[in-house]
Protein backbone atom coordinates (compact mmCIF):
# COMPACT_ATOMS: atom_id res chain seq x y z
CA MET A 1 0.00 0.00 0.00
CA ALA A 2 2.85 2.39 0.80
CA VAL A 3 4.34 1.77 -2.64
CA VAL A 4 1.04 2.67 -4.29
CA ALA A 5 0.84 5.86 -2.20
CA VAL A 6 4.38 6.84 -3.24
CA LEU A 7 3.62 6.16 -6.90
CA LEU A 8 0.38 8.16 -6.71
CA PHE A 9 2.23 11.01 -5.00
CA ASP A 10 4.87 10.90 -7.71
CA TRP A 11 2.28 10.81 -10.50
CA ILE A 12 -0.17 13.37 -9.07
CA VAL A 13 2.11 15.85 -7.25
CA PHE A 14 5.82 15.44 -7.97
CA GLU A 15 5.83 15.00 -11.78
CA PRO A 16 3.49 17.95 -12.49
CA MET A 17 5.43 20.17 -10.07
CA SER A 18 8.71 19.08 -11.58
CA GLN A 19 7.43 19.86 -15.08
CA HIS A 20 6.09 23.21 -13.88
CA VAL A 21 9.51 24.10 -12.41
CA THR A 22 11.18 23.13 -15.69
CA ASP A 23 8.73 25.31 -17.64
CA LEU A 24 9.33 28.22 -15.27
CA ASP A 25 13.09 27.84 -15.66
CA ALA A 26 12.71 28.05 -19.45
CA GLN A 27 10.51 31.14 -19.12
CA ILE A 28 13.06 32.76 -16.81
CA LYS A 29 15.88 32.09 -19.30
CA THR A 30 13.80 33.53 -22.14
CA ALA A 31 12.87 36.59 -20.08
CA GLN A 32 16.50 37.10 -19.05
CA GLY A 33 17.59 36.96 -22.71
CA ASP A 34 14.88 39.47 -23.62
CA LEU A 35 16.00 41.75 -20.79
CA ASP A 36 19.64 41.51 -21.90
CA ASN A 37 18.66 42.39 -25.47
CA ALA A 38 16.54 45.32 -24.29
CA THR A 39 19.38 46.58 -22.11
CA ARG A 40 21.84 46.38 -25.01
CA LEU A 41 19.38 48.17 -27.26
CA ALA A 42 18.81 50.93 -24.69
CA ASN A 43 22.57 51.40 -24.29
CA LYS A 44 23.03 51.47 -28.06
CA LYS A 45 20.23 54.06 -28.37
CA ARG A 46 21.81 56.24 -25.69
CA SER A 47 25.19 56.00 -27.43
CA ALA A 48 23.68 56.80 -30.83
CA GLU A 49 21.83 59.80 -29.40
CA GLN A 50 25.06 61.11 -27.88
CA SER A 51 26.92 60.60 -31.16
CA TRP A 52 24.16 62.30 -33.12
CA ALA A 53 24.08 65.24 -30.70
CA GLN A 54 27.84 65.65 -31.03
CA MET A 55 27.70 65.42 -34.84
CA SER A 56 24.84 67.86 -35.11
CA ARG A 57 26.65 70.34 -32.88
CA SER A 58 30.04 70.15 -34.50
CA GLN A 59 29.93 68.65 -37.97
CA LEU A 60 26.56 69.20 -39.56
CA LEU A 61 26.07 72.57 -41.15
CA LYS A 62 22.86 74.46 -40.62
CA ASP A 63 23.16 76.44 -43.85
CA GLU A 64 22.05 74.43 -46.89
CA SER A 65 24.46 76.09 -49.34
CA ALA A 66 27.43 75.64 -46.98
CA ALA A 67 26.57 71.96 -46.55
CA GLU A 68 26.27 71.55 -50.33
CA SER A 69 29.60 73.27 -50.87
CA ARG A 70 31.29 71.02 -48.32
CA ILE A 71 29.88 67.91 -50.00
CA LEU A 72 31.01 69.03 -53.45
CA ASN A 73 34.52 69.91 -52.22
CA SER A 74 34.82 66.60 -50.35
CA THR A 75 33.69 64.71 -53.46
CA ARG A 76 36.24 66.53 -55.61
CA GLU A 77 39.00 65.81 -53.08
CA TRP A 78 38.00 62.14 -52.91
CA ALA A 79 38.03 61.85 -56.71
CA GLN A 80 41.43 63.50 -56.89
CA ASP A 81 42.85 61.23 -54.17
CA ALA A 82 41.42 58.20 -55.99
CA GLY A 83 43.03 59.32 -59.26
CA MET A 84 39.69 59.91 -60.94
CA THR A 85 38.74 62.81 -63.15
CA LEU A 86 35.26 64.17 -62.75
CA SER A 87 33.97 65.77 -65.91
CA SER A 88 31.01 67.39 -64.20
CA LEU A 89 29.79 67.67 -60.68
CA LYS A 90 26.68 69.78 -60.50
CA PRO A 91 24.00 69.34 -57.89
CA GLU A 92 20.42 69.10 -59.01
CA ARG A 93 18.29 71.82 -57.56
CA SER A 94 15.12 70.77 -55.86
CA PRO A 95 12.01 72.86 -56.41
CA GLU A 96 11.41 75.61 -53.90
CA LYS A 97 9.43 74.62 -50.84
CA VAL A 98 5.84 75.71 -50.70
CA GLY A 99 4.27 75.53 -47.28
CA GLU A 100 5.25 72.63 -45.02
CA PHE A 101 6.04 70.18 -47.81
């Protein structure tokens, strides 16, 4: 009779609890991986925002014509350093803005 009670206990209580603990362990591992990924992403976002703030303060030009001039000069310098000859390098003008768009 004691053997039957032990087997019933194992079948009714221990096995389901053991499976439940195993499932919970898997959920914890998955949640920990998700948390690690979210933490890495948040750190990467913070770093990218800092880099962007620094670039926008120091390197990006506010004036459209100055930015265009810098791009054209950099392109010419790159072509010269690469040993290329550019026959023409003219920017295409976009139509004037009307309103917000």
